[in-house]
Amino acid sequence: MTTRTNTSTGRPRTTPVTVRVPAKVNVRLAVGAARPDGFHDLANVFLAVSLFDEVTATPADALTVTCEGPDADKVPLDRTNLAARAAEILAARSGLDPLVHLHIAKNIPVAGGMAGGSADGAAALLACDALWGLNTPREELLDICAELGSDVPFSLVGGAALGTGRGEVLTPVPAGDFHWVFAVADGGLSTPAVFREFDRLAEGTEIPEPQASPALLAALASGDPDALAATLANDLQPAALSLRPSLAATLDAGLGAGALAALVSGSGPTTAFLVADEEAAAKTAAALEASGTCRATRIASSPAPGATLLPPS
């Protein structure tokens, strides 16, 4: 970590700053063998979708976090929250005290494999940077994001990107417009637990180097939902289904309702359904809710912009 003194010409704000940040779906998550540091090399094709959290940063006498929205009671409000960690790291690098109140308006499923916590970290970072008038260079913000977690850099960038390394090294890729339905499961799944189950299931087998197939990248760029449906894949899906077998019924229900493809989103337990258009999205969401195999559904489109400062209200 580098430390710098704040020499910005920007001025700290006295009014709140709000940042909107998207959820993500992994249209291809290729997982390599466990590395000596315990992480896995990935070829992770991220796609930002139009489910958003909003994080508001307000000057305060101490660092505090509050949260509202679906499953807000499951969001940690201490310094383990990535939003709080983002504020701490940015303040430390800039020679400041993290005197900020962070309020999270939660709409991204919690512990659902859609990078909700990572999104909040990226949003808080951008909000605090604006609140404190730092004008931190983009590359340094991305460096802090990578320190916070593997998915956080993409939450800042949005759109569509190939993530390599742990997923934090991003290369933007072109993406057409797609429509999605997400089925929210009861409870969450721990990402580390899913990776441990991946390692257990893969024990004794040779795991190939992770790659994103040219066919998938071409389909993503084309905007053709049928072509993309034929190439979606998630190497963590067997591990997620092993830990939560009930997700198989949700996947079947969505496919039975006419979805073009279904997969577990990231480490789960949210499941993602690629559909042809808005009409198909409404039909699939209604069928999933009627099936009793999920707690709720969300309809979204992609790609969506990354973390974005909202104008003052």
C-alpha atoms as a PDB file:
ATOM      1  CA  MET A   1       0.000   0.000   0.000  1.00  0.00           C
ATOM      2  CA  THR A   2       1.240   3.485  -0.832  1.00  0.00           C
ATOM      3  CA  THR A   3       0.513   6.481   1.341  1.00  0.00           C
ATOM      4  CA  ARG A   4       0.243   9.983  -0.041  1.00  0.00           C
ATOM      5  CA  THR A   5      -0.489  13.378   1.370  1.00  0.00           C
ATOM      6  CA  ASN A   6      -3.612  15.043   0.076  1.00  0.00           C
ATOM      7  CA  THR A   7      -2.399  17.739  -2.299  1.00  0.00           C
ATOM      8  CA  SER A   8      -5.653  17.885  -4.258  1.00  0.00           C
ATOM      9  CA  THR A   9      -7.040  21.240  -5.284  1.00  0.00           C
ATOM     10  CA  GLY A  10     -10.566  19.908  -4.679  1.00  0.00           C
ATOM     11  CA  ARG A  11     -12.527  21.110  -1.693  1.00  0.00           C
ATOM     12  CA  PRO A  12     -14.261  18.872   0.845  1.00  0.00           C
ATOM     13  CA  ARG A  13     -18.048  18.949   0.567  1.00  0.00           C
ATOM     14  CA  THR A  14     -20.365  19.704   3.456  1.00  0.00           C
ATOM     15  CA  THR A  15     -23.416  18.119   1.818  1.00  0.00           C
ATOM     16  CA  PRO A  16     -24.018  14.389   1.236  1.00  0.00           C
ATOM     17  CA  VAL A  17     -22.638  12.579  -1.817  1.00  0.00           C
ATOM     18  CA  THR A  18     -24.520   9.612  -3.293  1.00  0.00           C
ATOM     19  CA  VAL A  19     -23.102   6.975  -5.648  1.00  0.00           C
ATOM     20  CA  ARG A  20     -25.150   4.394  -7.539  1.00  0.00           C
ATOM     21  CA  VAL A  21     -23.439   1.071  -8.257  1.00  0.00           C
ATOM     22  CA  PRO A  22     -24.575  -2.039 -10.176  1.00  0.00           C
ATOM     23  CA  ALA A  23     -24.797  -5.735  -9.441  1.00  0.00           C
ATOM     24  CA  LYS A  24     -22.966  -8.160 -11.703  1.00  0.00           C
ATOM     25  CA  VAL A  25     -23.544 -11.509 -13.320  1.00  0.00           C
ATOM     26  CA  ASN A  26     -20.716 -13.757 -14.457  1.00  0.00           C
ATOM     27  CA  VAL A  27     -21.510 -14.931 -17.980  1.00  0.00           C
ATOM     28  CA  ARG A  28     -18.351 -17.059 -17.865  1.00  0.00           C
ATOM     29  CA  LEU A  29     -16.557 -17.971 -14.665  1.00  0.00           C
ATOM     30  CA  ALA A  30     -13.614 -20.262 -15.369  1.00  0.00           C
ATOM     31  CA  VAL A  31     -11.743 -21.325 -12.230  1.00  0.00           C
ATOM     32  CA  GLY A  32      -8.187 -22.606 -12.078  1.00  0.00           C
ATOM     33  CA  ALA A  33      -6.531 -24.705  -9.411  1.00  0.00           C
ATOM     34  CA  ALA A  34      -5.917 -23.285  -5.950  1.00  0.00           C
ATOM     35  CA  ARG A  35      -2.751 -21.179  -5.762  1.00  0.00           C
ATOM     36  CA  PRO A  36      -0.262 -21.291  -2.877  1.00  0.00           C
ATOM     37  CA  ASP A  37      -1.862 -18.130  -1.466  1.00  0.00           C
ATOM     38  CA  GLY A  38      -5.248 -19.877  -1.355  1.00  0.00           C
ATOM     39  CA  PHE A  39      -6.769 -17.874  -4.198  1.00  0.00           C
ATOM     40  CA  HIS A  40      -7.635 -19.264  -7.627  1.00  0.00           C
ATOM     41  CA  ASP A  41      -6.698 -17.870 -11.014  1.00  0.00           C
ATOM     42  CA  LEU A  42      -9.861 -16.929 -12.868  1.00  0.00           C
ATOM     43  CA  ALA A  43     -11.112 -16.035 -16.298  1.00  0.00           C
ATOM     44  CA  ASN A  44     -14.147 -14.116 -15.177  1.00  0.00           C
ATOM     45  CA  VAL A  45     -16.372 -12.408 -17.738  1.00  0.00           C
ATOM     46  CA  PHE A  46     -18.296  -9.803 -15.756  1.00  0.00           C
ATOM     47  CA  LEU A  47     -21.460  -8.142 -16.960  1.00  0.00           C
ATOM     48  CA  ALA A  48     -22.983  -5.284 -14.952  1.00  0.00           C
ATOM     49  CA  VAL A  49     -26.785  -5.414 -14.668  1.00  0.00           C
ATOM     50  CA  SER A  50     -29.414  -2.840 -13.773  1.00  0.00           C
ATOM     51  CA  LEU A  51     -29.894  -3.776 -10.138  1.00  0.00           C
ATOM     52  CA  PHE A  52     -28.351  -1.013  -8.071  1.00  0.00           C
ATOM     53  CA  ASP A  53     -27.298  -0.156  -4.545  1.00  0.00           C
ATOM     54  CA  GLU A  54     -26.828   3.469  -3.559  1.00  0.00           C
ATOM     55  CA  VAL A  55     -24.279   4.573  -0.978  1.00  0.00           C
ATOM     56  CA  THR A  56     -24.506   8.059   0.533  1.00  0.00           C
ATOM     57  CA  ALA A  57     -21.505   9.597   2.300  1.00  0.00           C
ATOM     58  CA  THR A  58     -22.169  12.401   4.804  1.00  0.00           C
ATOM     59  CA  PRO A  59     -19.672  14.276   7.002  1.00  0.00           C
ATOM     60  CA  ALA A  60     -19.717  12.873  10.543  1.00  0.00           C
ATOM     61  CA  ASP A  61     -17.762  12.795  13.795  1.00  0.00           C
ATOM     62  CA  ALA A  62     -16.835   9.100  13.316  1.00  0.00           C
ATOM     63  CA  LEU A  63     -17.017   6.315  10.763  1.00  0.00           C
ATOM     64  CA  THR A  64     -20.482   4.743  10.920  1.00  0.00           C
ATOM     65  CA  VAL A  65     -22.578   2.577   8.581  1.00  0.00           C
ATOM     66  CA  THR A  66     -26.349   2.146   8.263  1.00  0.00           C
ATOM     67  CA  CYS A  67     -28.369   0.130   5.769  1.00  0.00           C
ATOM     68  CA  GLU A  68     -31.941  -0.128   4.513  1.00  0.00           C
ATOM     69  CA  GLY A  69     -33.680  -2.332   1.966  1.00  0.00           C
ATOM     70  CA  PRO A  70     -34.248  -6.072   1.372  1.00  0.00           C
ATOM     71  CA  ASP A  71     -32.193  -8.207   3.803  1.00  0.00           C
ATOM     72  CA  ALA A  72     -30.610  -5.108   5.346  1.00  0.00           C
ATOM     73  CA  ASP A  73     -30.501  -6.975   8.658  1.00  0.00           C
ATOM     74  CA  LYS A  74     -27.924  -9.335   7.109  1.00  0.00           C
ATOM     75  CA  VAL A  75     -25.504  -6.510   6.192  1.00  0.00           C
ATOM     76  CA  PRO A  76     -22.677  -5.972   8.724  1.00  0.00           C
ATOM     77  CA  LEU A  77     -22.576  -2.427  10.068  1.00  0.00           C
ATOM     78  CA  ASP A  78     -19.106  -2.628  11.604  1.00  0.00           C
ATOM     79  CA  ARG A  79     -15.718  -2.208   9.984  1.00  0.00           C
ATOM     80  CA  THR A  80     -15.908  -5.591   8.282  1.00  0.00           C
ATOM     81  CA  ASN A  81     -18.301  -3.948   5.807  1.00  0.00           C
ATOM     82  CA  LEU A  82     -16.391  -3.234   2.581  1.00  0.00           C
ATOM     83  CA  ALA A  83     -17.895   0.254   2.438  1.00  0.00           C
ATOM     84  CA  ALA A  84     -16.311   1.052   5.799  1.00  0.00           C
ATOM     85  CA  ARG A  85     -13.016  -0.545   4.750  1.00  0.00           C
ATOM     86  CA  ALA A  86     -12.989   1.551   1.577  1.00  0.00           C
ATOM     87  CA  ALA A  87     -13.379   4.741   3.610  1.00  0.00           C
ATOM     88  CA  GLU A  88     -10.605   3.683   5.996  1.00  0.00           C
ATOM     89  CA  ILE A  89      -8.126   2.836   3.259  1.00  0.00           C
ATOM     90  CA  LEU A  90      -8.783   5.977   1.237  1.00  0.00           C
ATOM     91  CA  ALA A  91      -8.484   8.136   4.355  1.00  0.00           C
ATOM     92  CA  ALA A  92      -5.238   6.450   5.420  1.00  0.00           C
ATOM     93  CA  ARG A  93      -3.680   6.931   1.997  1.00  0.00           C
ATOM     94  CA  SER A  94      -4.692  10.589   2.008  1.00  0.00           C
ATOM     95  CA  GLY A  95      -3.612  11.462   5.535  1.00  0.00           C
ATOM     96  CA  LEU A  96      -7.169  11.961   6.748  1.00  0.00           C
ATOM     97  CA  ASP A  97      -9.400  10.598   9.484  1.00  0.00           C
ATOM     98  CA  PRO A  98     -12.370   8.621   8.085  1.00  0.00           C
ATOM     99  CA  LEU A  99     -15.007  10.937   9.536  1.00  0.00           C
ATOM    100  CA  VAL A 100     -17.975   9.847   7.479  1.00  0.00           C
ATOM    101  CA  HIS A 101     -21.389   8.297   7.810  1.00  0.00           C
ATOM    102  CA  LEU A 102     -22.139   5.770   5.058  1.00  0.00           C
ATOM    103  CA  HIS A 103     -25.755   4.880   4.355  1.00  0.00           C
ATOM    104  CA  ILE A 104     -26.422   1.930   2.052  1.00  0.00           C
ATOM    105  CA  ALA A 105     -29.738   1.717   0.206  1.00  0.00           C
ATOM    106  CA  LYS A 106     -29.662  -1.986  -0.605  1.00  0.00           C
ATOM    107  CA  ASN A 107     -31.314  -3.520  -3.656  1.00  0.00           C
ATOM    108  CA  ILE A 108     -28.668  -6.039  -4.751  1.00  0.00           C
ATOM    109  CA  PRO A 109     -29.272  -9.460  -3.124  1.00  0.00           C
ATOM    110  CA  VAL A 110     -27.153  -9.967   0.014  1.00  0.00           C
ATOM    111  CA  ALA A 111     -24.589 -12.826  -0.118  1.00  0.00           C
ATOM    112  CA  GLY A 112     -26.179 -13.757  -3.418  1.00  0.00           C
ATOM    113  CA  GLY A 113     -23.258 -14.076  -5.837  1.00  0.00           C
ATOM    114  CA  MET A 114     -23.954 -10.693  -7.436  1.00  0.00           C
ATOM    115  CA  ALA A 115     -21.135  -8.714  -5.759  1.00  0.00           C
ATOM    116  CA  GLY A 116     -23.408  -6.610  -3.555  1.00  0.00           C
ATOM    117  CA  GLY A 117     -20.809  -6.132  -0.848  1.00  0.00           C
ATOM    118  CA  SER A 118     -18.136  -5.390  -3.444  1.00  0.00           C
ATOM    119  CA  ALA A 119     -20.452  -2.890  -5.093  1.00  0.00           C
ATOM    120  CA  ASP A 120     -20.912  -1.061  -1.792  1.00  0.00           C
ATOM    121  CA  GLY A 121     -17.146  -0.918  -1.321  1.00  0.00           C
ATOM    122  CA  ALA A 122     -16.640   0.656  -4.749  1.00  0.00           C
ATOM    123  CA  ALA A 123     -19.514   3.083  -4.209  1.00  0.00           C
ATOM    124  CA  ALA A 124     -18.238   4.176  -0.798  1.00  0.00           C
ATOM    125  CA  LEU A 125     -14.763   4.703  -2.226  1.00  0.00           C
ATOM    126  CA  LEU A 126     -16.037   6.987  -4.983  1.00  0.00           C
ATOM    127  CA  ALA A 127     -18.429   8.790  -2.621  1.00  0.00           C
ATOM    128  CA  CYS A 128     -15.737   9.474  -0.005  1.00  0.00           C
ATOM    129  CA  ASP A 129     -13.296  10.612  -2.683  1.00  0.00           C
ATOM    130  CA  ALA A 130     -15.855  13.179  -3.836  1.00  0.00           C
ATOM    131  CA  LEU A 131     -16.938  14.138  -0.300  1.00  0.00           C
ATOM    132  CA  TRP A 132     -13.359  14.813   0.768  1.00  0.00           C
ATOM    133  CA  GLY A 133     -12.440  16.614  -2.478  1.00  0.00           C
ATOM    134  CA  LEU A 134      -9.507  14.295  -3.146  1.00  0.00           C
ATOM    135  CA  ASN A 135      -9.731  13.808  -6.936  1.00  0.00           C
ATOM    136  CA  THR A 136      -7.838  10.531  -6.550  1.00  0.00           C
ATOM    137  CA  PRO A 137      -6.515   9.229  -9.893  1.00  0.00           C
ATOM    138  CA  ARG A 138      -8.609   6.426 -11.380  1.00  0.00           C
ATOM    139  CA  GLU A 139      -5.717   3.956 -11.287  1.00  0.00           C
ATOM    140  CA  GLU A 140      -5.241   4.533  -7.569  1.00  0.00           C
ATOM    141  CA  LEU A 141      -8.958   4.020  -6.951  1.00  0.00           C
ATOM    142  CA  LEU A 142      -8.719   0.716  -8.844  1.00  0.00           C
ATOM    143  CA  ASP A 143      -5.681  -0.235  -6.751  1.00  0.00           C
ATOM    144  CA  ILE A 144      -7.679   0.332  -3.560  1.00  0.00           C
ATOM    145  CA  CYS A 145     -10.560  -1.664  -5.058  1.00  0.00           C
ATOM    146  CA  ALA A 146      -8.231  -4.616  -5.683  1.00  0.00           C
ATOM    147  CA  GLU A 147      -7.039  -4.388  -2.074  1.00  0.00           C
ATOM    148  CA  LEU A 148     -10.667  -4.550  -0.914  1.00  0.00           C
ATOM    149  CA  GLY A 149     -11.580  -7.665  -2.922  1.00  0.00           C
ATOM    150  CA  SER A 150     -11.475  -9.451  -6.260  1.00  0.00           C
ATOM    151  CA  ASP A 151     -14.864  -8.198  -7.513  1.00  0.00           C
ATOM    152  CA  VAL A 152     -14.565  -4.603  -6.319  1.00  0.00           C
ATOM    153  CA  PRO A 153     -12.643  -3.184  -9.312  1.00  0.00           C
ATOM    154  CA  PHE A 154     -15.384  -4.304 -11.698  1.00  0.00           C
ATOM    155  CA  SER A 155     -18.033  -2.661  -9.527  1.00  0.00           C
ATOM    156  CA  LEU A 156     -16.212   0.622 -10.083  1.00  0.00           C
ATOM    157  CA  VAL A 157     -15.813   0.084 -13.841  1.00  0.00           C
ATOM    158  CA  GLY A 158     -19.118  -1.591 -14.818  1.00  0.00           C
ATOM    159  CA  GLY A 159     -20.109  -2.413 -18.377  1.00  0.00           C
ATOM    160  CA  ALA A 160     -18.526  -5.691 -19.426  1.00  0.00           C
ATOM    161  CA  ALA A 161     -15.001  -6.887 -18.748  1.00  0.00           C
ATOM    162  CA  LEU A 162     -12.760  -9.938 -18.600  1.00  0.00           C
ATOM    163  CA  GLY A 163     -11.230 -10.308 -15.153  1.00  0.00           C
ATOM    164  CA  THR A 164      -8.022 -12.324 -14.792  1.00  0.00           C
ATOM    165  CA  GLY A 165      -5.699 -13.013 -11.885  1.00  0.00           C
ATOM    166  CA  ARG A 166      -8.118 -13.216  -8.931  1.00  0.00           C
ATOM    167  CA  GLY A 167     -10.590 -11.392 -11.160  1.00  0.00           C
ATOM    168  CA  GLU A 168      -9.204  -7.962 -10.292  1.00  0.00           C
ATOM    169  CA  VAL A 169      -7.161  -7.418 -13.505  1.00  0.00           C
ATOM    170  CA  LEU A 170      -9.754  -6.047 -15.919  1.00  0.00           C
ATOM    171  CA  THR A 171      -9.874  -5.814 -19.692  1.00  0.00           C
ATOM    172  CA  PRO A 172     -13.030  -4.143 -21.045  1.00  0.00           C
ATOM    173  CA  VAL A 173     -14.896  -6.191 -23.654  1.00  0.00           C
ATOM    174  CA  PRO A 174     -17.767  -5.153 -25.962  1.00  0.00           C
ATOM    175  CA  ALA A 175     -21.289  -6.225 -25.034  1.00  0.00           C
ATOM    176  CA  GLY A 176     -24.678  -5.895 -26.688  1.00  0.00           C
ATOM    177  CA  ASP A 177     -27.939  -5.486 -24.802  1.00  0.00           C
ATOM    178  CA  PHE A 178     -29.393  -8.457 -22.913  1.00  0.00           C
ATOM    179  CA  HIS A 179     -32.350  -9.146 -20.611  1.00  0.00           C
ATOM    180  CA  TRP A 180     -32.173 -11.117 -17.373  1.00  0.00           C
ATOM    181  CA  VAL A 181     -34.269 -12.512 -14.559  1.00  0.00           C
ATOM    182  CA  PHE A 182     -32.651 -13.224 -11.191  1.00  0.00           C
ATOM    183  CA  ALA A 183     -34.176 -15.578  -8.638  1.00  0.00           C
ATOM    184  CA  VAL A 184     -33.289 -14.749  -5.045  1.00  0.00           C
ATOM    185  CA  ALA A 185     -32.876 -17.757  -2.751  1.00  0.00           C
ATOM    186  CA  ASP A 186     -33.518 -18.011   0.970  1.00  0.00           C
ATOM    187  CA  GLY A 187     -30.302 -17.343   2.852  1.00  0.00           C
ATOM    188  CA  GLY A 188     -26.854 -16.803   1.386  1.00  0.00           C
ATOM    189  CA  LEU A 189     -23.836 -18.821   0.363  1.00  0.00           C
ATOM    190  CA  SER A 190     -20.340 -18.045   1.579  1.00  0.00           C
ATOM    191  CA  THR A 191     -17.982 -17.461  -1.351  1.00  0.00           C
ATOM    192  CA  PRO A 192     -15.013 -19.042   0.504  1.00  0.00           C
ATOM    193  CA  ALA A 193     -17.177 -22.093   1.295  1.00  0.00           C
ATOM    194  CA  VAL A 194     -18.125 -22.484  -2.359  1.00  0.00           C
ATOM    195  CA  PHE A 195     -14.467 -22.307  -3.419  1.00  0.00           C
ATOM    196  CA  ARG A 196     -13.584 -24.905  -0.768  1.00  0.00           C
ATOM    197  CA  GLU A 197     -16.291 -27.157  -2.164  1.00  0.00           C
ATOM    198  CA  PHE A 198     -14.919 -26.558  -5.680  1.00  0.00           C
ATOM    199  CA  ASP A 199     -11.505 -27.723  -4.441  1.00  0.00           C
ATOM    200  CA  ARG A 200     -13.039 -30.776  -2.780  1.00  0.00           C
ATOM    201  CA  LEU A 201     -14.980 -31.779  -5.875  1.00  0.00           C
ATOM    202  CA  ALA A 202     -11.915 -31.252  -8.086  1.00  0.00           C
ATOM    203  CA  GLU A 203      -9.517 -33.178  -5.830  1.00  0.00           C
ATOM    204  CA  GLY A 204      -7.452 -35.654  -7.825  1.00  0.00           C
ATOM    205  CA  THR A 205      -8.342 -34.154 -11.203  1.00  0.00           C
ATOM    206  CA  GLU A 206      -6.298 -31.939 -13.486  1.00  0.00           C
ATOM    207  CA  ILE A 207      -7.802 -28.469 -13.669  1.00  0.00           C
ATOM    208  CA  PRO A 208      -7.084 -26.634 -16.938  1.00  0.00           C
ATOM    209  CA  GLU A 209      -5.896 -23.053 -17.086  1.00  0.00           C
ATOM    210  CA  PRO A 210      -8.961 -20.799 -16.963  1.00  0.00           C
ATOM    211  CA  GLN A 211      -9.921 -19.181 -20.259  1.00  0.00           C
ATOM    212  CA  ALA A 212     -12.805 -17.200 -21.663  1.00  0.00           C
ATOM    213  CA  SER A 213     -13.845 -18.811 -24.922  1.00  0.00           C
ATOM    214  CA  PRO A 214     -13.714 -16.697 -28.086  1.00  0.00           C
ATOM    215  CA  ALA A 215     -17.239 -17.941 -28.869  1.00  0.00           C
ATOM    216  CA  LEU A 216     -18.597 -16.448 -25.640  1.00  0.00           C
ATOM    217  CA  LEU A 217     -16.857 -13.118 -26.171  1.00  0.00           C
ATOM    218  CA  ALA A 218     -18.176 -12.954 -29.734  1.00  0.00           C
ATOM    219  CA  ALA A 219     -21.701 -13.787 -28.556  1.00  0.00           C
ATOM    220  CA  LEU A 220     -21.501 -11.142 -25.834  1.00  0.00           C
ATOM    221  CA  ALA A 221     -20.437  -8.516 -28.362  1.00  0.00           C
ATOM    222  CA  SER A 222     -23.123  -9.525 -30.852  1.00  0.00           C
ATOM    223  CA  GLY A 223     -26.101  -8.860 -28.592  1.00  0.00           C
ATOM    224  CA  ASP A 224     -27.600 -12.172 -29.792  1.00  0.00           C
ATOM    225  CA  PRO A 225     -29.240 -13.830 -26.743  1.00  0.00           C
ATOM    226  CA  ASP A 226     -29.400 -17.253 -28.405  1.00  0.00           C
ATOM    227  CA  ALA A 227     -25.667 -17.190 -29.144  1.00  0.00           C
ATOM    228  CA  LEU A 228     -24.855 -16.063 -25.608  1.00  0.00           C
ATOM    229  CA  ALA A 229     -27.164 -18.713 -24.126  1.00  0.00           C
ATOM    230  CA  ALA A 230     -25.153 -21.436 -25.867  1.00  0.00           C
ATOM    231  CA  THR A 231     -21.894 -20.287 -24.277  1.00  0.00           C
ATOM    232  CA  LEU A 232     -22.783 -19.340 -20.656  1.00  0.00           C
ATOM    233  CA  ALA A 233     -20.863 -21.371 -18.071  1.00  0.00           C
ATOM    234  CA  ASN A 234     -19.875 -21.197 -14.400  1.00  0.00           C
ATOM    235  CA  ASP A 235     -17.255 -23.571 -12.994  1.00  0.00           C
ATOM    236  CA  LEU A 236     -18.511 -22.840  -9.461  1.00  0.00           C
ATOM    237  CA  GLN A 237     -22.028 -24.041 -10.241  1.00  0.00           C
ATOM    238  CA  PRO A 238     -21.441 -27.714  -9.300  1.00  0.00           C
ATOM    239  CA  ALA A 239     -20.000 -26.598  -5.951  1.00  0.00           C
ATOM    240  CA  ALA A 240     -22.926 -24.250  -5.286  1.00  0.00           C
ATOM    241  CA  LEU A 241     -25.409 -27.010  -6.179  1.00  0.00           C
ATOM    242  CA  SER A 242     -23.556 -29.445  -3.933  1.00  0.00           C
ATOM    243  CA  LEU A 243     -23.947 -27.072  -0.983  1.00  0.00           C
ATOM    244  CA  ARG A 244     -27.483 -26.017  -1.931  1.00  0.00           C
ATOM    245  CA  PRO A 245     -29.146 -28.842  -3.960  1.00  0.00           C
ATOM    246  CA  SER A 246     -32.484 -26.995  -3.964  1.00  0.00           C
ATOM    247  CA  LEU A 247     -31.074 -24.536  -6.521  1.00  0.00           C
ATOM    248  CA  ALA A 248     -31.452 -27.216  -9.204  1.00  0.00           C
ATOM    249  CA  ALA A 249     -35.241 -26.915  -8.948  1.00  0.00           C
ATOM    250  CA  THR A 250     -35.006 -23.144  -9.422  1.00  0.00           C
ATOM    251  CA  LEU A 251     -32.848 -23.571 -12.527  1.00  0.00           C
ATOM    252  CA  ASP A 252     -35.312 -26.108 -13.935  1.00  0.00           C
ATOM    253  CA  ALA A 253     -38.285 -23.835 -13.212  1.00  0.00           C
ATOM    254  CA  GLY A 254     -36.755 -20.931 -15.106  1.00  0.00           C
ATOM    255  CA  LEU A 255     -35.851 -23.068 -18.095  1.00  0.00           C
ATOM    256  CA  GLY A 256     -39.326 -24.568 -18.053  1.00  0.00           C
ATOM    257  CA  ALA A 257     -40.747 -21.044 -18.225  1.00  0.00           C
ATOM    258  CA  GLY A 258     -38.879 -20.349 -21.439  1.00  0.00           C
ATOM    259  CA  ALA A 259     -35.562 -18.856 -20.332  1.00  0.00           C
ATOM    260  CA  LEU A 260     -32.864 -19.337 -22.972  1.00  0.00           C
ATOM    261  CA  ALA A 261     -30.250 -20.308 -20.382  1.00  0.00           C
ATOM    262  CA  ALA A 262     -29.877 -20.614 -16.628  1.00  0.00           C
ATOM    263  CA  LEU A 263     -26.896 -20.610 -14.319  1.00  0.00           C
ATOM    264  CA  VAL A 264     -25.890 -19.914 -10.750  1.00  0.00           C
ATOM    265  CA  SER A 265     -24.650 -16.331 -10.490  1.00  0.00           C
ATOM    266  CA  GLY A 266     -21.052 -16.359  -9.277  1.00  0.00           C
ATOM    267  CA  SER A 267     -20.844 -18.340  -6.039  1.00  0.00           C
ATOM    268  CA  GLY A 268     -24.639 -18.248  -5.646  1.00  0.00           C
ATOM    269  CA  PRO A 269     -27.200 -18.794  -4.373  1.00  0.00           C
ATOM    270  CA  THR A 270     -28.882 -16.262  -6.710  1.00  0.00           C
ATOM    271  CA  THR A 271     -29.690 -17.901 -10.042  1.00  0.00           C
ATOM    272  CA  ALA A 272     -29.608 -16.017 -13.343  1.00  0.00           C
ATOM    273  CA  PHE A 273     -31.827 -16.555 -16.369  1.00  0.00           C
ATOM    274  CA  LEU A 274     -31.051 -15.122 -19.794  1.00  0.00           C
ATOM    275  CA  VAL A 275     -34.254 -14.303 -21.684  1.00  0.00           C
ATOM    276  CA  ALA A 276     -35.075 -13.053 -25.162  1.00  0.00           C
ATOM    277  CA  ASP A 277     -36.733  -9.728 -24.316  1.00  0.00           C
ATOM    278  CA  GLU A 278     -38.734  -7.757 -21.735  1.00  0.00           C
ATOM    279  CA  GLU A 279     -41.907  -9.768 -22.370  1.00  0.00           C
ATOM    280  CA  ALA A 280     -40.064 -13.039 -21.787  1.00  0.00           C
ATOM    281  CA  ALA A 281     -38.522 -11.587 -18.635  1.00  0.00           C
ATOM    282  CA  ALA A 282     -41.944 -10.818 -17.151  1.00  0.00           C
ATOM    283  CA  LYS A 283     -43.224 -14.299 -18.039  1.00  0.00           C
ATOM    284  CA  THR A 284     -40.178 -16.056 -16.597  1.00  0.00           C
ATOM    285  CA  ALA A 285     -40.241 -14.014 -13.388  1.00  0.00           C
ATOM    286  CA  ALA A 286     -43.933 -14.775 -12.843  1.00  0.00           C
ATOM    287  CA  ALA A 287     -43.394 -18.500 -13.416  1.00  0.00           C
ATOM    288  CA  LEU A 288     -40.439 -18.588 -11.029  1.00  0.00           C
ATOM    289  CA  GLU A 289     -42.414 -16.864  -8.283  1.00  0.00           C
ATOM    290  CA  ALA A 290     -45.341 -19.234  -8.822  1.00  0.00           C
ATOM    291  CA  SER A 291     -43.016 -22.270  -8.699  1.00  0.00           C
ATOM    292  CA  GLY A 292     -42.203 -21.780  -5.016  1.00  0.00           C
ATOM    293  CA  THR A 293     -38.522 -22.483  -5.718  1.00  0.00           C
ATOM    294  CA  CYS A 294     -37.262 -18.990  -4.854  1.00  0.00           C
ATOM    295  CA  ARG A 295     -38.017 -16.163  -2.440  1.00  0.00           C
ATOM    296  CA  ALA A 296     -38.265 -13.349  -4.991  1.00  0.00           C
ATOM    297  CA  THR A 297     -37.301 -12.381  -8.511  1.00  0.00           C
ATOM    298  CA  ARG A 298     -35.660  -9.320 -10.033  1.00  0.00           C
ATOM    299  CA  ILE A 299     -35.746  -8.267 -13.682  1.00  0.00           C
ATOM    300  CA  ALA A 300     -32.739  -6.436 -15.111  1.00  0.00           C
ATOM    301  CA  SER A 301     -30.968  -5.508 -18.308  1.00  0.00           C
ATOM    302  CA  SER A 302     -27.310  -5.250 -19.236  1.00  0.00           C
ATOM    303  CA  PRO A 303     -24.799  -3.776 -19.606  1.00  0.00           C
ATOM    304  CA  ALA A 304     -25.075  -1.145 -16.853  1.00  0.00           C
ATOM    305  CA  PRO A 305     -22.645   1.643 -15.958  1.00  0.00           C
ATOM    306  CA  GLY A 306     -20.228   1.239 -13.069  1.00  0.00           C
ATOM    307  CA  ALA A 307     -20.176   3.305  -9.884  1.00  0.00           C
ATOM    308  CA  THR A 308     -21.629   6.714 -10.748  1.00  0.00           C
ATOM    309  CA  LEU A 309     -21.913   9.935  -8.773  1.00  0.00           C
ATOM    310  CA  LEU A 310     -25.530  11.082  -8.674  1.00  0.00           C
ATOM    311  CA  PRO A 311     -26.410  14.765  -8.926  1.00  0.00           C
ATOM    312  CA  PRO A 312     -27.375  16.455  -5.637  1.00  0.00           C
ATOM    313  CA  SER A 313     -31.043  16.010  -4.826  1.00  0.00           C
END
